[in-house]
Structure formats: C-alpha cells, structure tokens
Amino acid sequence: AMESAEDLAREGYYVTSEPEQAVANLVKALGKGVLKVMSKMGVSTVASYTGAQIFEALGLSQSVVDKYFTGTTSKLGGIELDTIAEEVARR
C-alpha cells in the first residue's frame, strides 16, 4: 500500500503531494480506520485486542491457521502455505 501511495504521488494520480507525505497520509488514515473499527467492536485498547480471538480466519487451511494463528476459528478452510508463497512470488 505504501509503495502504491508513493507511485501514485510520483505520477500525480489522485494526489498532489510528495511521495513521503502520501505515505504519511496513508498511515494516518489506516490508523484512524483501525481505531474506528476497534471502537465499534468494543475494543478500547490494543492490549484488550491482543489475544481476544474476536475474528475468524477465512480462506486459510486449518494447518496454516493452527500454526500461525493459534486458537483462531476457521470453519471454511482454504489455501495452504505453498499456495500463499506462490501467489506472493507471482505478484
């Protein structure tokens, strides 16, 4: 996202600021968005969010969830770690 904001600022698409300012604006907007969502969920501090297990993993296999998101609910299943690596490498 930060690289995209920098690129858009350099090329003049949608923004009229320097790349560094575009990234700072992105970080600020994302932070405000996360805080708004957390407050609507009843999470008042990051400490109360950590380990709260208030989310469900979607699109990840149970083995990935068990290894990297221990204790998180995942009812649907999904892709394995090798598929994730292939998609990241392709992008």
Protein backbone atom coordinates (compact mmCIF):
# COMPACT_ATOMS: atom_id res chain seq x y z
CA ALA A 1 0.00 0.00 0.00
CA MET A 2 2.84 2.35 0.85
CA GLU A 3 4.62 1.67 -2.42
CA SER A 4 1.36 2.26 -4.27
CA ALA A 5 0.85 5.59 -2.47
CA GLU A 6 4.40 6.63 -3.37
CA ASP A 7 3.95 5.64 -7.01
CA LEU A 8 0.61 7.44 -7.29
CA ALA A 9 2.13 10.59 -5.77
CA ARG A 10 5.15 10.48 -8.08
CA GLU A 11 2.91 10.09 -11.14
CA GLY A 12 0.37 12.66 -9.96
CA TYR A 13 -2.62 10.30 -9.90
CA TYR A 14 -5.32 11.25 -7.38
CA VAL A 15 -2.84 13.08 -5.13
CA THR A 16 -0.96 16.34 -5.33
CA SER A 17 1.59 15.77 -2.58
CA GLU A 18 5.12 14.49 -2.26
CA PRO A 19 5.54 10.71 -2.02
CA GLU A 20 6.64 10.92 1.63
CA GLN A 21 3.54 12.94 2.53
CA ALA A 22 1.31 10.50 0.63
CA VAL A 23 2.71 7.62 2.72
CA ALA A 24 2.26 9.61 5.94
CA ASN A 25 -1.36 10.35 4.95
CA LEU A 26 -1.94 6.65 4.22
CA VAL A 27 -0.55 5.57 7.60
CA LYS A 28 -2.66 8.18 9.39
CA ALA A 29 -5.83 7.14 7.53
CA LEU A 30 -5.24 3.44 8.16
CA GLY A 31 -4.60 4.11 11.84
CA LYS A 32 -7.82 6.09 12.17
CA GLY A 33 -9.74 3.38 10.33
CA VAL A 34 -8.43 0.61 12.57
CA LEU A 35 -9.23 2.62 15.69
CA LYS A 36 -12.76 3.27 14.44
CA VAL A 37 -13.38 -0.41 13.73
CA MET A 38 -11.88 -1.42 17.09
CA SER A 39 -14.11 1.04 18.93
CA LYS A 40 -17.21 -0.27 17.16
CA MET A 41 -16.21 -3.78 18.19
CA GLY A 42 -15.89 -2.69 21.80
CA VAL A 43 -12.12 -2.91 21.86
CA SER A 44 -10.82 0.11 23.73
CA THR A 45 -7.09 -0.64 23.79
CA VAL A 46 -4.67 -2.66 21.73
CA ALA A 47 -3.91 -4.69 24.86
CA SER A 48 -7.55 -5.78 25.11
CA TYR A 49 -7.50 -6.71 21.42
CA THR A 50 -4.34 -8.83 21.63
CA GLY A 51 -5.33 -12.44 22.09
CA ALA A 52 -9.04 -11.62 22.22
CA GLN A 53 -9.84 -14.11 19.42
CA ILE A 54 -12.68 -11.96 18.09
CA PHE A 55 -12.01 -12.80 14.45
CA GLU A 56 -12.40 -15.84 12.22
CA ALA A 57 -9.85 -16.84 9.58
CA LEU A 58 -11.32 -17.11 6.09
CA GLY A 59 -9.67 -18.74 3.12
CA LEU A 60 -6.80 -20.38 5.02
CA SER A 61 -6.36 -24.09 5.61
CA GLN A 62 -6.67 -25.41 9.13
CA SER A 63 -2.95 -26.29 9.21
CA VAL A 64 -1.98 -22.68 8.40
CA VAL A 65 -4.41 -21.34 10.99
CA ASP A 66 -3.16 -23.78 13.65
CA LYS A 67 0.48 -22.90 13.04
CA TYR A 68 0.31 -19.11 12.55
CA PHE A 69 -3.00 -18.04 14.15
CA THR A 70 -3.25 -20.45 17.08
CA GLY A 71 -6.70 -20.56 18.62
CA THR A 72 -8.40 -18.68 15.79
CA THR A 73 -11.64 -20.13 14.48
CA SER A 74 -11.66 -21.26 10.86
CA LYS A 75 -14.83 -23.02 9.75
CA LEU A 76 -14.41 -22.81 5.97
CA GLY A 77 -10.82 -23.87 5.28
CA GLY A 78 -8.84 -22.73 2.29
CA ILE A 79 -5.36 -22.46 0.79
CA GLU A 80 -2.13 -23.91 2.13
CA LEU A 81 1.15 -22.10 2.80
CA ASP A 82 2.68 -23.20 -0.53
CA THR A 83 -0.19 -21.59 -2.44
CA ILE A 84 0.25 -18.37 -0.48
CA ALA A 85 4.00 -18.39 -1.29
CA GLU A 86 3.31 -18.97 -5.00
CA GLU A 87 0.87 -16.06 -5.14
CA VAL A 88 3.28 -13.72 -3.32
CA ALA A 89 6.13 -14.70 -5.65
CA ARG A 90 3.90 -14.18 -8.69
CA ARG A 91 2.97 -10.67 -7.54
